[in-house]
């Protein structure tokens, strides 16, 4: 695996599908994976992520945080950090590209150009 794309997301219902689709549209000559750290969202973000994982099981791995653990981290002022670190640890690629769940890539050759 050459590249892992890590998407960390929390309450990005309106945006996460665009983020994931912008990675899936990448035109590359190497293998890549998408690791999505879903931080126990209170909107439909988790359902959207799981729908994508179901459609692309060979490409997407969802890491789902426990709601109580995630809320405890947010109350302690470290919300999202543990999910990010766990996401990085789960990446199998030689390189890791980061994409926030409320962002997206516009160039379908972004990863190819960066490699």
PDB file of N, CA and C in Angstrom:
ATOM      1  N   UNK A   1       0.848  -1.177   0.000  1.00  0.00           N
ATOM      2  CA  UNK A   1       0.000   0.000   0.000  1.00  0.00           C
ATOM      3  C   UNK A   1       0.893   1.239   0.000  1.00  0.00           C
ATOM      4  N   UNK A   2       0.713   2.085  -0.983  1.00  0.00           N
ATOM      5  CA  UNK A   2       1.562   3.267  -1.062  1.00  0.00           C
ATOM      6  C   UNK A   2       1.037   4.422  -0.223  1.00  0.00           C
ATOM      7  N   UNK A   3      -0.261   4.720  -0.312  1.00  0.00           N
ATOM      8  CA  UNK A   3      -0.789   5.902   0.368  1.00  0.00           C
ATOM      9  C   UNK A   3      -2.049   5.554   1.153  1.00  0.00           C
ATOM     10  N   UNK A   4      -2.108   6.072   2.365  1.00  0.00           N
ATOM     11  CA  UNK A   4      -3.323   6.042   3.170  1.00  0.00           C
ATOM     12  C   UNK A   4      -3.847   7.466   3.221  1.00  0.00           C
ATOM     13  N   UNK A   5      -5.128   7.619   2.990  1.00  0.00           N
ATOM     14  CA  UNK A   5      -5.771   8.916   3.149  1.00  0.00           C
ATOM     15  C   UNK A   5      -6.563   8.848   4.432  1.00  0.00           C
ATOM     16  N   UNK A   6      -6.232   9.707   5.380  1.00  0.00           N
ATOM     17  CA  UNK A   6      -6.920   9.742   6.661  1.00  0.00           C
ATOM     18  C   UNK A   6      -7.905  10.898   6.663  1.00  0.00           C
ATOM     19  N   UNK A   7      -9.164  10.559   6.841  1.00  0.00           N
ATOM     20  CA  UNK A   7     -10.219  11.556   6.989  1.00  0.00           C
ATOM     21  C   UNK A   7     -10.742  11.445   8.420  1.00  0.00           C
ATOM     22  N   UNK A   8     -10.626  12.523   9.162  1.00  0.00           N
ATOM     23  CA  UNK A   8     -11.178  12.573  10.518  1.00  0.00           C
ATOM     24  C   UNK A   8     -12.421  13.443  10.455  1.00  0.00           C
ATOM     25  N   UNK A   9     -13.513  12.926  11.010  1.00  0.00           N
ATOM     26  CA  UNK A   9     -14.778  13.629  10.856  1.00  0.00           C
ATOM     27  C   UNK A   9     -15.618  13.586  12.123  1.00  0.00           C
ATOM     28  N   UNK A  10     -16.291  14.694  12.371  1.00  0.00           N
ATOM     29  CA  UNK A  10     -17.232  14.812  13.491  1.00  0.00           C
ATOM     30  C   UNK A  10     -18.307  15.819  13.089  1.00  0.00           C
ATOM     31  N   UNK A  11     -19.542  15.366  13.054  1.00  0.00           N
ATOM     32  CA  UNK A  11     -20.681  16.216  12.700  1.00  0.00           C
ATOM     33  C   UNK A  11     -20.477  16.947  11.369  1.00  0.00           C
ATOM     34  N   UNK A  12     -20.055  16.201  10.369  1.00  0.00           N
ATOM     35  CA  UNK A  12     -19.840  16.749   9.025  1.00  0.00           C
ATOM     36  C   UNK A  12     -20.856  16.193   8.033  1.00  0.00           C
ATOM     37  N   UNK A  13     -22.068  15.981   8.482  1.00  0.00           N
ATOM     38  CA  UNK A  13     -23.114  15.384   7.649  1.00  0.00           C
ATOM     39  C   UNK A  13     -23.220  16.059   6.278  1.00  0.00           C
ATOM     40  N   UNK A  14     -23.152  17.370   6.238  1.00  0.00           N
ATOM     41  CA  UNK A  14     -23.321  18.098   4.984  1.00  0.00           C
ATOM     42  C   UNK A  14     -22.131  17.964   4.042  1.00  0.00           C
ATOM     43  N   UNK A  15     -20.967  17.580   4.577  1.00  0.00           N
ATOM     44  CA  UNK A  15     -19.733  17.664   3.801  1.00  0.00           C
ATOM     45  C   UNK A  15     -19.007  16.347   3.559  1.00  0.00           C
ATOM     46  N   UNK A  16     -19.204  15.372   4.434  1.00  0.00           N
ATOM     47  CA  UNK A  16     -18.346  14.186   4.414  1.00  0.00           C
ATOM     48  C   UNK A  16     -18.453  13.397   3.112  1.00  0.00           C
ATOM     49  N   UNK A  17     -19.616  13.347   2.498  1.00  0.00           N
ATOM     50  CA  UNK A  17     -19.743  12.623   1.225  1.00  0.00           C
ATOM     51  C   UNK A  17     -18.874  13.276   0.147  1.00  0.00           C
ATOM     52  N   UNK A  18     -18.826  14.600   0.128  1.00  0.00           N
ATOM     53  CA  UNK A  18     -17.965  15.299  -0.843  1.00  0.00           C
ATOM     54  C   UNK A  18     -16.498  14.998  -0.579  1.00  0.00           C
ATOM     55  N   UNK A  19     -16.120  14.952   0.686  1.00  0.00           N
ATOM     56  CA  UNK A  19     -14.737  14.630   1.035  1.00  0.00           C
ATOM     57  C   UNK A  19     -14.368  13.235   0.526  1.00  0.00           C
ATOM     58  N   UNK A  20     -15.210  12.264   0.827  1.00  0.00           N
ATOM     59  CA  UNK A  20     -14.926  10.880   0.425  1.00  0.00           C
ATOM     60  C   UNK A  20     -14.930  10.752  -1.102  1.00  0.00           C
ATOM     61  N   UNK A  21     -15.912  11.338  -1.746  1.00  0.00           N
ATOM     62  CA  UNK A  21     -15.973  11.268  -3.211  1.00  0.00           C
ATOM     63  C   UNK A  21     -14.757  11.911  -3.861  1.00  0.00           C
ATOM     64  N   UNK A  22     -14.227  12.968  -3.259  1.00  0.00           N
ATOM     65  CA  UNK A  22     -13.056  13.624  -3.854  1.00  0.00           C
ATOM     66  C   UNK A  22     -11.826  12.730  -3.794  1.00  0.00           C
ATOM     67  N   UNK A  23     -11.791  11.817  -2.833  1.00  0.00           N
ATOM     68  CA  UNK A  23     -10.688  10.848  -2.775  1.00  0.00           C
ATOM     69  C   UNK A  23     -10.957   9.707  -3.754  1.00  0.00           C
ATOM     70  N   UNK A  24     -12.185   9.245  -3.794  1.00  0.00           N
ATOM     71  CA  UNK A  24     -12.519   8.140  -4.696  1.00  0.00           C
ATOM     72  C   UNK A  24     -12.315   8.508  -6.169  1.00  0.00           C
ATOM     73  N   UNK A  25     -12.369   9.794  -6.512  1.00  0.00           N
ATOM     74  CA  UNK A  25     -12.198  10.222  -7.903  1.00  0.00           C
ATOM     75  C   UNK A  25     -10.724  10.365  -8.290  1.00  0.00           C
ATOM     76  N   UNK A  26      -9.823  10.073  -7.368  1.00  0.00           N
ATOM     77  CA  UNK A  26      -8.403  10.238  -7.662  1.00  0.00           C
ATOM     78  C   UNK A  26      -7.945   9.288  -8.769  1.00  0.00           C
ATOM     79  N   UNK A  27      -7.201   9.829  -9.702  1.00  0.00           N
ATOM     80  CA  UNK A  27      -6.638   9.091 -10.830  1.00  0.00           C
ATOM     81  C   UNK A  27      -5.171   8.832 -10.506  1.00  0.00           C
ATOM     82  N   UNK A  28      -4.885   7.623 -10.023  1.00  0.00           N
ATOM     83  CA  UNK A  28      -3.537   7.294  -9.563  1.00  0.00           C
ATOM     84  C   UNK A  28      -3.060   5.981 -10.170  1.00  0.00           C
ATOM     85  N   UNK A  29      -1.754   5.803 -10.135  1.00  0.00           N
ATOM     86  CA  UNK A  29      -1.152   4.574 -10.663  1.00  0.00           C
ATOM     87  C   UNK A  29      -0.653   3.674  -9.533  1.00  0.00           C
ATOM     88  N   UNK A  30      -1.187   3.841  -8.343  1.00  0.00           N
ATOM     89  CA  UNK A  30      -0.751   3.069  -7.180  1.00  0.00           C
ATOM     90  C   UNK A  30      -1.963   2.760  -6.294  1.00  0.00           C
ATOM     91  N   UNK A  31      -1.761   1.828  -5.373  1.00  0.00           N
ATOM     92  CA  UNK A  31      -2.817   1.455  -4.437  1.00  0.00           C
ATOM     93  C   UNK A  31      -2.918   2.487  -3.321  1.00  0.00           C
ATOM     94  N   UNK A  32      -4.147   2.732  -2.900  1.00  0.00           N
ATOM     95  CA  UNK A  32      -4.366   3.595  -1.746  1.00  0.00           C
ATOM     96  C   UNK A  32      -5.568   3.086  -0.959  1.00  0.00           C
ATOM     97  N   UNK A  33      -5.625   3.506   0.275  1.00  0.00           N
ATOM     98  CA  UNK A  33      -6.752   3.181   1.142  1.00  0.00           C
ATOM     99  C   UNK A  33      -7.286   4.474   1.739  1.00  0.00           C
ATOM    100  N   UNK A  34      -8.542   4.429   2.145  1.00  0.00           N
ATOM    101  CA  UNK A  34      -9.154   5.555   2.846  1.00  0.00           C
ATOM    102  C   UNK A  34      -9.508   5.075   4.247  1.00  0.00           C
ATOM    103  N   UNK A  35      -8.923   5.712   5.235  1.00  0.00           N
ATOM    104  CA  UNK A  35      -9.207   5.412   6.630  1.00  0.00           C
ATOM    105  C   UNK A  35     -10.016   6.596   7.167  1.00  0.00           C
ATOM    106  N   UNK A  36     -11.208   6.312   7.667  1.00  0.00           N
ATOM    107  CA  UNK A  36     -12.078   7.382   8.148  1.00  0.00           C
ATOM    108  C   UNK A  36     -12.273   7.229   9.648  1.00  0.00           C
ATOM    109  N   UNK A  37     -11.784   8.206  10.390  1.00  0.00           N
ATOM    110  CA  UNK A  37     -11.975   8.241  11.829  1.00  0.00           C
ATOM    111  C   UNK A  37     -13.245   9.022  12.139  1.00  0.00           C
ATOM    112  N   UNK A  38     -14.291   8.293  12.490  1.00  0.00           N
ATOM    113  CA  UNK A  38     -15.585   8.919  12.784  1.00  0.00           C
ATOM    114  C   UNK A  38     -15.694   9.062  14.302  1.00  0.00           C
ATOM    115  N   UNK A  39     -15.794  10.299  14.781  1.00  0.00           N
ATOM    116  CA  UNK A  39     -15.654  10.606  16.200  1.00  0.00           C
ATOM    117  C   UNK A  39     -16.985  10.689  16.934  1.00  0.00           C
ATOM    118  N   UNK A  40     -17.867   9.701  16.721  1.00  0.00           N
ATOM    119  CA  UNK A  40     -19.157   9.609  17.419  1.00  0.00           C
ATOM    120  C   UNK A  40     -20.026  10.836  17.180  1.00  0.00           C
ATOM    121  N   UNK A  41     -20.228  11.142  15.917  1.00  0.00           N
ATOM    122  CA  UNK A  41     -21.048  12.292  15.532  1.00  0.00           C
ATOM    123  C   UNK A  41     -22.472  12.153  16.041  1.00  0.00           C
ATOM    124  N   UNK A  42     -23.111  13.300  16.254  1.00  0.00           N
ATOM    125  CA  UNK A  42     -24.500  13.305  16.700  1.00  0.00           C
ATOM    126  C   UNK A  42     -25.471  13.554  15.547  1.00  0.00           C
ATOM    127  N   UNK A  43     -24.949  13.758  14.362  1.00  0.00           N
ATOM    128  CA  UNK A  43     -25.800  13.907  13.171  1.00  0.00           C
ATOM    129  C   UNK A  43     -25.691  12.623  12.344  1.00  0.00           C
ATOM    130  N   UNK A  44     -25.908  12.662  11.059  1.00  0.00           N
ATOM    131  CA  UNK A  44     -25.884  11.463  10.207  1.00  0.00           C
ATOM    132  C   UNK A  44     -24.502  11.125   9.648  1.00  0.00           C
ATOM    133  N   UNK A  45     -23.460  11.771  10.121  1.00  0.00           N
ATOM    134  CA  UNK A  45     -22.113  11.526   9.594  1.00  0.00           C
ATOM    135  C   UNK A  45     -21.753  10.043   9.645  1.00  0.00           C
ATOM    136  N   UNK A  46     -21.974   9.406  10.779  1.00  0.00           N
ATOM    137  CA  UNK A  46     -21.607   7.995  10.936  1.00  0.00           C
ATOM    138  C   UNK A  46     -22.330   7.127   9.915  1.00  0.00           C
ATOM    139  N   UNK A  47     -23.613   7.361   9.705  1.00  0.00           N
ATOM    140  CA  UNK A  47     -24.381   6.568   8.744  1.00  0.00           C
ATOM    141  C   UNK A  47     -23.844   6.752   7.334  1.00  0.00           C
ATOM    142  N   UNK A  48     -23.480   7.968   6.984  1.00  0.00           N
ATOM    143  CA  UNK A  48     -22.936   8.242   5.653  1.00  0.00           C
ATOM    144  C   UNK A  48     -21.612   7.514   5.465  1.00  0.00           C
ATOM    145  N   UNK A  49     -20.752   7.587   6.469  1.00  0.00           N
ATOM    146  CA  UNK A  49     -19.454   6.899   6.411  1.00  0.00           C
ATOM    147  C   UNK A  49     -19.659   5.396   6.246  1.00  0.00           C
ATOM    148  N   UNK A  50     -20.581   4.828   7.018  1.00  0.00           N
ATOM    149  CA  UNK A  50     -20.838   3.389   6.926  1.00  0.00           C
ATOM    150  C   UNK A  50     -21.415   2.998   5.566  1.00  0.00           C
ATOM    151  N   UNK A  51     -22.236   3.852   4.975  1.00  0.00           N
ATOM    152  CA  UNK A  51     -22.755   3.588   3.626  1.00  0.00           C
ATOM    153  C   UNK A  51     -21.614   3.528   2.609  1.00  0.00           C
ATOM    154  N   UNK A  52     -20.671   4.450   2.706  1.00  0.00           N
ATOM    155  CA  UNK A  52     -19.517   4.430   1.800  1.00  0.00           C
ATOM    156  C   UNK A  52     -18.664   3.195   2.034  1.00  0.00           C
ATOM    157  N   UNK A  53     -18.449   2.826   3.286  1.00  0.00           N
ATOM    158  CA  UNK A  53     -17.657   1.634   3.582  1.00  0.00           C
ATOM    159  C   UNK A  53     -18.327   0.393   3.002  1.00  0.00           C
ATOM    160  N   UNK A  54     -19.645   0.342   3.078  1.00  0.00           N
ATOM    161  CA  UNK A  54     -20.375  -0.794   2.523  1.00  0.00           C
ATOM    162  C   UNK A  54     -20.236  -0.855   1.003  1.00  0.00           C
ATOM    163  N   UNK A  55     -20.253   0.299   0.352  1.00  0.00           N
ATOM    164  CA  UNK A  55     -20.122   0.340  -1.112  1.00  0.00           C
ATOM    165  C   UNK A  55     -18.700   0.083  -1.583  1.00  0.00           C
ATOM    166  N   UNK A  56     -17.715   0.447  -0.780  1.00  0.00           N
ATOM    167  CA  UNK A  56     -16.309   0.327  -1.170  1.00  0.00           C
ATOM    168  C   UNK A  56     -15.512  -0.395  -0.088  1.00  0.00           C
ATOM    169  N   UNK A  57     -15.858  -1.641   0.220  1.00  0.00           N
ATOM    170  CA  UNK A  57     -15.211  -2.334   1.341  1.00  0.00           C
ATOM    171  C   UNK A  57     -13.721  -2.613   1.125  1.00  0.00           C
ATOM    172  N   UNK A  58     -13.276  -2.668  -0.126  1.00  0.00           N
ATOM    173  CA  UNK A  58     -11.855  -2.908  -0.392  1.00  0.00           C
ATOM    174  C   UNK A  58     -11.034  -1.635  -0.323  1.00  0.00           C
ATOM    175  N   UNK A  59     -11.700  -0.497  -0.266  1.00  0.00           N
ATOM    176  CA  UNK A  59     -11.010   0.790  -0.310  1.00  0.00           C
ATOM    177  C   UNK A  59     -11.145   1.577   0.995  1.00  0.00           C
ATOM    178  N   UNK A  60     -12.279   1.425   1.700  1.00  0.00           N
ATOM    179  CA  UNK A  60     -12.577   2.267   2.856  1.00  0.00           C
ATOM    180  C   UNK A  60     -12.661   1.450   4.135  1.00  0.00           C
ATOM    181  N   UNK A  61     -11.990   1.953   5.188  1.00  0.00           N
ATOM    182  CA  UNK A  61     -12.105   1.386   6.530  1.00  0.00           C
ATOM    183  C   UNK A  61     -12.560   2.483   7.475  1.00  0.00           C
ATOM    184  N   UNK A  62     -13.668   2.256   8.125  1.00  0.00           N
ATOM    185  CA  UNK A  62     -14.187   3.212   9.096  1.00  0.00           C
ATOM    186  C   UNK A  62     -13.757   2.818  10.498  1.00  0.00           C
ATOM    187  N   UNK A  63     -13.236   3.780  11.227  1.00  0.00           N
ATOM    188  CA  UNK A  63     -12.885   3.596  12.635  1.00  0.00           C
ATOM    189  C   UNK A  63     -13.910   4.382  13.435  1.00  0.00           C
ATOM    190  N   UNK A  64     -14.726   3.682  14.178  1.00  0.00           N
ATOM    191  CA  UNK A  64     -15.855   4.297  14.861  1.00  0.00           C
ATOM    192  C   UNK A  64     -15.565   4.449  16.352  1.00  0.00           C
ATOM    193  N   UNK A  65     -15.569   5.681  16.821  1.00  0.00           N
ATOM    194  CA  UNK A  65     -15.343   5.936  18.247  1.00  0.00           C
ATOM    195  C   UNK A  65     -16.592   5.638  19.049  1.00  0.00           C
ATOM    196  N   UNK A  66     -16.400   5.140  20.239  1.00  0.00           N
ATOM    197  CA  UNK A  66     -17.479   4.956  21.196  1.00  0.00           C
ATOM    198  C   UNK A  66     -17.952   6.336  21.653  1.00  0.00           C
ATOM    199  N   UNK A  67     -19.265   6.528  21.697  1.00  0.00           N
ATOM    200  CA  UNK A  67     -19.824   7.839  22.028  1.00  0.00           C
ATOM    201  C   UNK A  67     -19.391   8.329  23.411  1.00  0.00           C
ATOM    202  N   UNK A  68     -19.391   7.458  24.400  1.00  0.00           N
ATOM    203  CA  UNK A  68     -19.016   7.866  25.760  1.00  0.00           C
ATOM    204  C   UNK A  68     -17.549   8.273  25.820  1.00  0.00           C
ATOM    205  N   UNK A  69     -16.681   7.518  25.173  1.00  0.00           N
ATOM    206  CA  UNK A  69     -15.253   7.859  25.149  1.00  0.00           C
ATOM    207  C   UNK A  69     -15.013   9.184  24.432  1.00  0.00           C
ATOM    208  N   UNK A  70     -15.674   9.361  23.294  1.00  0.00           N
ATOM    209  CA  UNK A  70     -15.504  10.592  22.524  1.00  0.00           C
ATOM    210  C   UNK A  70     -16.002  11.795  23.317  1.00  0.00           C
ATOM    211  N   UNK A  71     -17.137  11.644  23.979  1.00  0.00           N
ATOM    212  CA  UNK A  71     -17.691  12.753  24.768  1.00  0.00           C
ATOM    213  C   UNK A  71     -16.782  13.080  25.946  1.00  0.00           C
ATOM    214  N   UNK A  72     -16.215  12.055  26.565  1.00  0.00           N
ATOM    215  CA  UNK A  72     -15.279  12.267  27.663  1.00  0.00           C
ATOM    216  C   UNK A  72     -14.060  13.058  27.187  1.00  0.00           C
ATOM    217  N   UNK A  73     -13.542  12.710  25.995  1.00  0.00           N
ATOM    218  CA  UNK A  73     -12.405  13.443  25.423  1.00  0.00           C
ATOM    219  C   UNK A  73     -12.776  14.900  25.140  1.00  0.00           C
ATOM    220  N   UNK A  74     -13.974  15.116  24.590  1.00  0.00           N
ATOM    221  CA  UNK A  74     -14.399  16.490  24.311  1.00  0.00           C
ATOM    222  C   UNK A  74     -14.531  17.298  25.606  1.00  0.00           C
ATOM    223  N   UNK A  75     -15.074  16.685  26.650  1.00  0.00           N
ATOM    224  CA  UNK A  75     -15.218  17.366  27.941  1.00  0.00           C
ATOM    225  C   UNK A  75     -13.857  17.710  28.542  1.00  0.00           C
ATOM    226  N   UNK A  76     -12.858  16.885  28.258  1.00  0.00           N
ATOM    227  CA  UNK A  76     -11.505  17.124  28.760  1.00  0.00           C
ATOM    228  C   UNK A  76     -10.718  18.089  27.878  1.00  0.00           C
ATOM    229  N   UNK A  77     -11.330  18.553  26.796  1.00  0.00           N
ATOM    230  CA  UNK A  77     -10.659  19.499  25.912  1.00  0.00           C
ATOM    231  C   UNK A  77      -9.731  18.870  24.896  1.00  0.00           C
ATOM    232  N   UNK A  78      -9.835  17.562  24.715  1.00  0.00           N
ATOM    233  CA  UNK A  78      -8.976  16.881  23.740  1.00  0.00           C
ATOM    234  C   UNK A  78      -9.806  16.196  22.657  1.00  0.00           C
ATOM    235  N   UNK A  79     -11.000  16.701  22.431  1.00  0.00           N
ATOM    236  CA  UNK A  79     -11.877  16.107  21.427  1.00  0.00           C
ATOM    237  C   UNK A  79     -11.205  16.025  20.068  1.00  0.00           C
ATOM    238  N   UNK A  80     -11.320  14.884  19.433  1.00  0.00           N
ATOM    239  CA  UNK A  80     -10.761  14.676  18.102  1.00  0.00           C
ATOM    240  C   UNK A  80      -9.313  14.223  18.082  1.00  0.00           C
ATOM    241  N   UNK A  81      -8.548  14.555  19.068  1.00  0.00           N
ATOM    242  CA  UNK A  81      -7.117  14.213  19.058  1.00  0.00           C
ATOM    243  C   UNK A  81      -6.890  12.707  19.132  1.00  0.00           C
ATOM    244  N   UNK A  82      -7.634  12.038  20.011  1.00  0.00           N
ATOM    245  CA  UNK A  82      -7.466  10.587  20.132  1.00  0.00           C
ATOM    246  C   UNK A  82      -7.896   9.894  18.838  1.00  0.00           C
ATOM    247  N   UNK A  83      -8.983  10.358  18.236  1.00  0.00           N
ATOM    248  CA  UNK A  83      -9.429   9.800  16.959  1.00  0.00           C
ATOM    249  C   UNK A  83      -8.402   9.995  15.860  1.00  0.00           C
ATOM    250  N   UNK A  84      -7.747  11.152  15.867  1.00  0.00           N
ATOM    251  CA  UNK A  84      -6.700  11.422  14.879  1.00  0.00           C
ATOM    252  C   UNK A  84      -5.515  10.483  15.071  1.00  0.00           C
ATOM    253  N   UNK A  85      -5.064  10.341  16.303  1.00  0.00           N
ATOM    254  CA  UNK A  85      -3.920   9.462  16.592  1.00  0.00           C
ATOM    255  C   UNK A  85      -4.263   8.014  16.256  1.00  0.00           C
ATOM    256  N   UNK A  86      -5.454   7.570  16.651  1.00  0.00           N
ATOM    257  CA  UNK A  86      -5.872   6.202  16.322  1.00  0.00           C
ATOM    258  C   UNK A  86      -5.958   6.007  14.815  1.00  0.00           C
ATOM    259  N   UNK A  87      -6.423   7.014  14.103  1.00  0.00           N
ATOM    260  CA  UNK A  87      -6.485   6.947  12.643  1.00  0.00           C
ATOM    261  C   UNK A  87      -5.105   6.810  12.033  1.00  0.00           C
ATOM    262  N   UNK A  88      -4.150   7.608  12.507  1.00  0.00           N
ATOM    263  CA  UNK A  88      -2.782   7.506  11.999  1.00  0.00           C
ATOM    264  C   UNK A  88      -2.205   6.112  12.241  1.00  0.00           C
ATOM    265  N   UNK A  89      -2.440   5.576  13.419  1.00  0.00           N
ATOM    266  CA  UNK A  89      -1.933   4.241  13.740  1.00  0.00           C
ATOM    267  C   UNK A  89      -2.549   3.167  12.845  1.00  0.00           C
ATOM    268  N   UNK A  90      -3.785   3.383  12.403  1.00  0.00           N
ATOM    269  CA  UNK A  90      -4.467   2.396  11.567  1.00  0.00           C
ATOM    270  C   UNK A  90      -4.038   2.452  10.105  1.00  0.00           C
ATOM    271  N   UNK A  91      -3.399   3.532   9.701  1.00  0.00           N
ATOM    272  CA  UNK A  91      -2.984   3.680   8.297  1.00  0.00           C
ATOM    273  C   UNK A  91      -1.882   2.678   7.957  1.00  0.00           C
ATOM    274  N   UNK A  92      -2.034   2.017   6.817  1.00  0.00           N
ATOM    275  CA  UNK A  92      -1.078   0.999   6.386  1.00  0.00           C
ATOM    276  C   UNK A  92      -0.162   1.482   5.272  1.00  0.00           C
ATOM    277  N   UNK A  93      -0.415   2.653   4.749  1.00  0.00           N
ATOM    278  CA  UNK A  93       0.351   3.161   3.623  1.00  0.00           C
ATOM    279  C   UNK A  93       1.749   3.606   4.001  1.00  0.00           C
ATOM    280  N   UNK A  94       2.608   3.629   2.989  1.00  0.00           N
ATOM    281  CA  UNK A  94       3.959   4.137   3.163  1.00  0.00           C
ATOM    282  C   UNK A  94       3.903   5.642   3.471  1.00  0.00           C
ATOM    283  N   UNK A  95       2.919   6.315   2.884  1.00  0.00           N
ATOM    284  CA  UNK A  95       2.693   7.739   3.093  1.00  0.00           C
ATOM    285  C   UNK A  95       1.261   7.943   3.570  1.00  0.00           C
ATOM    286  N   UNK A  96       1.024   9.063   4.250  1.00  0.00           N
ATOM    287  CA  UNK A  96      -0.317   9.400   4.722  1.00  0.00           C
ATOM    288  C   UNK A  96      -0.671  10.797   4.214  1.00  0.00           C
ATOM    289  N   UNK A  97      -1.832  10.897   3.600  1.00  0.00           N
ATOM    290  CA  UNK A  97      -2.386  12.189   3.198  1.00  0.00           C
ATOM    291  C   UNK A  97      -3.568  12.481   4.107  1.00  0.00           C
ATOM    292  N   UNK A  98      -3.698  13.727   4.520  1.00  0.00           N
ATOM    293  CA  UNK A  98      -4.756  14.117   5.443  1.00  0.00           C
ATOM    294  C   UNK A  98      -5.840  14.905   4.716  1.00  0.00           C
ATOM    295  N   UNK A  99      -7.078  14.652   5.099  1.00  0.00           N
ATOM    296  CA  UNK A  99      -8.212  15.392   4.559  1.00  0.00           C
ATOM    297  C   UNK A  99      -9.251  15.499   5.656  1.00  0.00           C
ATOM    298  N   UNK A 100      -9.639  16.717   5.997  1.00  0.00           N
ATOM    299  CA  UNK A 100     -10.687  16.897   7.001  1.00  0.00           C
ATOM    300  C   UNK A 100     -12.032  16.510   6.419  1.00  0.00           C
ATOM    301  N   UNK A 101     -12.927  16.068   7.283  1.00  0.00           N
ATOM    302  CA  UNK A 101     -14.241  15.612   6.851  1.00  0.00           C
ATOM    303  C   UNK A 101     -15.127  16.693   6.282  1.00  0.00           C
ATOM    304  N   UNK A 102     -14.755  17.955   6.473  1.00  0.00           N
ATOM    305  CA  UNK A 102     -15.542  19.057   5.919  1.00  0.00           C
ATOM    306  C   UNK A 102     -14.795  19.772   4.799  1.00  0.00           C
ATOM    307  N   UNK A 103     -13.868  19.070   4.169  1.00  0.00           N
ATOM    308  CA  UNK A 103     -13.080  19.617   3.067  1.00  0.00           C
ATOM    309  C   UNK A 103     -13.144  18.637   1.908  1.00  0.00           C
ATOM    310  N   UNK A 104     -12.578  18.984   0.766  1.00  0.00           N
ATOM    311  CA  UNK A 104     -12.530  18.061  -0.367  1.00  0.00           C
ATOM    312  C   UNK A 104     -11.425  18.499  -1.311  1.00  0.00           C
ATOM    313  N   UNK A 105     -10.993  17.550  -2.133  1.00  0.00           N
ATOM    314  CA  UNK A 105      -9.969  17.830  -3.138  1.00  0.00           C
ATOM    315  C   UNK A 105     -10.642  18.128  -4.468  1.00  0.00           C
ATOM    316  N   UNK A 106     -10.117  19.106  -5.183  1.00  0.00           N
ATOM    317  CA  UNK A 106     -10.705  19.491  -6.469  1.00  0.00           C
ATOM    318  C   UNK A 106      -9.957  18.900  -7.653  1.00  0.00           C
ATOM    319  N   UNK A 107      -8.703  18.519  -7.460  1.00  0.00           N
ATOM    320  CA  UNK A 107      -7.883  17.999  -8.557  1.00  0.00           C
ATOM    321  C   UNK A 107      -7.864  16.473  -8.495  1.00  0.00           C
ATOM    322  N   UNK A 108      -8.387  15.789  -9.526  1.00  0.00           N
ATOM    323  CA  UNK A 108      -8.398  14.324  -9.513  1.00  0.00           C
ATOM    324  C   UNK A 108      -6.994  13.700  -9.608  1.00  0.00           C
ATOM    325  N   UNK A 109      -5.955  14.514  -9.814  1.00  0.00           N
ATOM    326  CA  UNK A 109      -4.591  14.001  -9.883  1.00  0.00           C
ATOM    327  C   UNK A 109      -3.755  14.485  -8.707  1.00  0.00           C
ATOM    328  N   UNK A 110      -4.398  14.985  -7.676  1.00  0.00           N
ATOM    329  CA  UNK A 110      -3.689  15.504  -6.512  1.00  0.00           C
ATOM    330  C   UNK A 110      -2.707  14.498  -5.923  1.00  0.00           C
ATOM    331  N   UNK A 111      -3.189  13.279  -5.667  1.00  0.00           N
ATOM    332  CA  UNK A 111      -2.321  12.257  -5.078  1.00  0.00           C
ATOM    333  C   UNK A 111      -1.217  11.834  -6.035  1.00  0.00           C
ATOM    334  N   UNK A 112      -1.534  11.717  -7.296  1.00  0.00           N
ATOM    335  CA  UNK A 112      -0.526  11.323  -8.288  1.00  0.00           C
ATOM    336  C   UNK A 112       0.578  12.360  -8.368  1.00  0.00           C
ATOM    337  N   UNK A 113       0.217  13.634  -8.362  1.00  0.00           N
ATOM    338  CA  UNK A 113       1.200  14.706  -8.437  1.00  0.00           C
ATOM    339  C   UNK A 113       2.078  14.751  -7.193  1.00  0.00           C
ATOM    340  N   UNK A 114       1.498  14.417  -6.065  1.00  0.00           N
ATOM    341  CA  UNK A 114       2.238  14.490  -4.797  1.00  0.00           C
ATOM    342  C   UNK A 114       3.151  13.288  -4.574  1.00  0.00           C
ATOM    343  N   UNK A 115       2.938  12.218  -5.336  1.00  0.00           N
ATOM    344  CA  UNK A 115       3.749  11.012  -5.085  1.00  0.00           C
ATOM    345  C   UNK A 115       5.109  11.067  -5.730  1.00  0.00           C
TER     346      UNK A 115
END
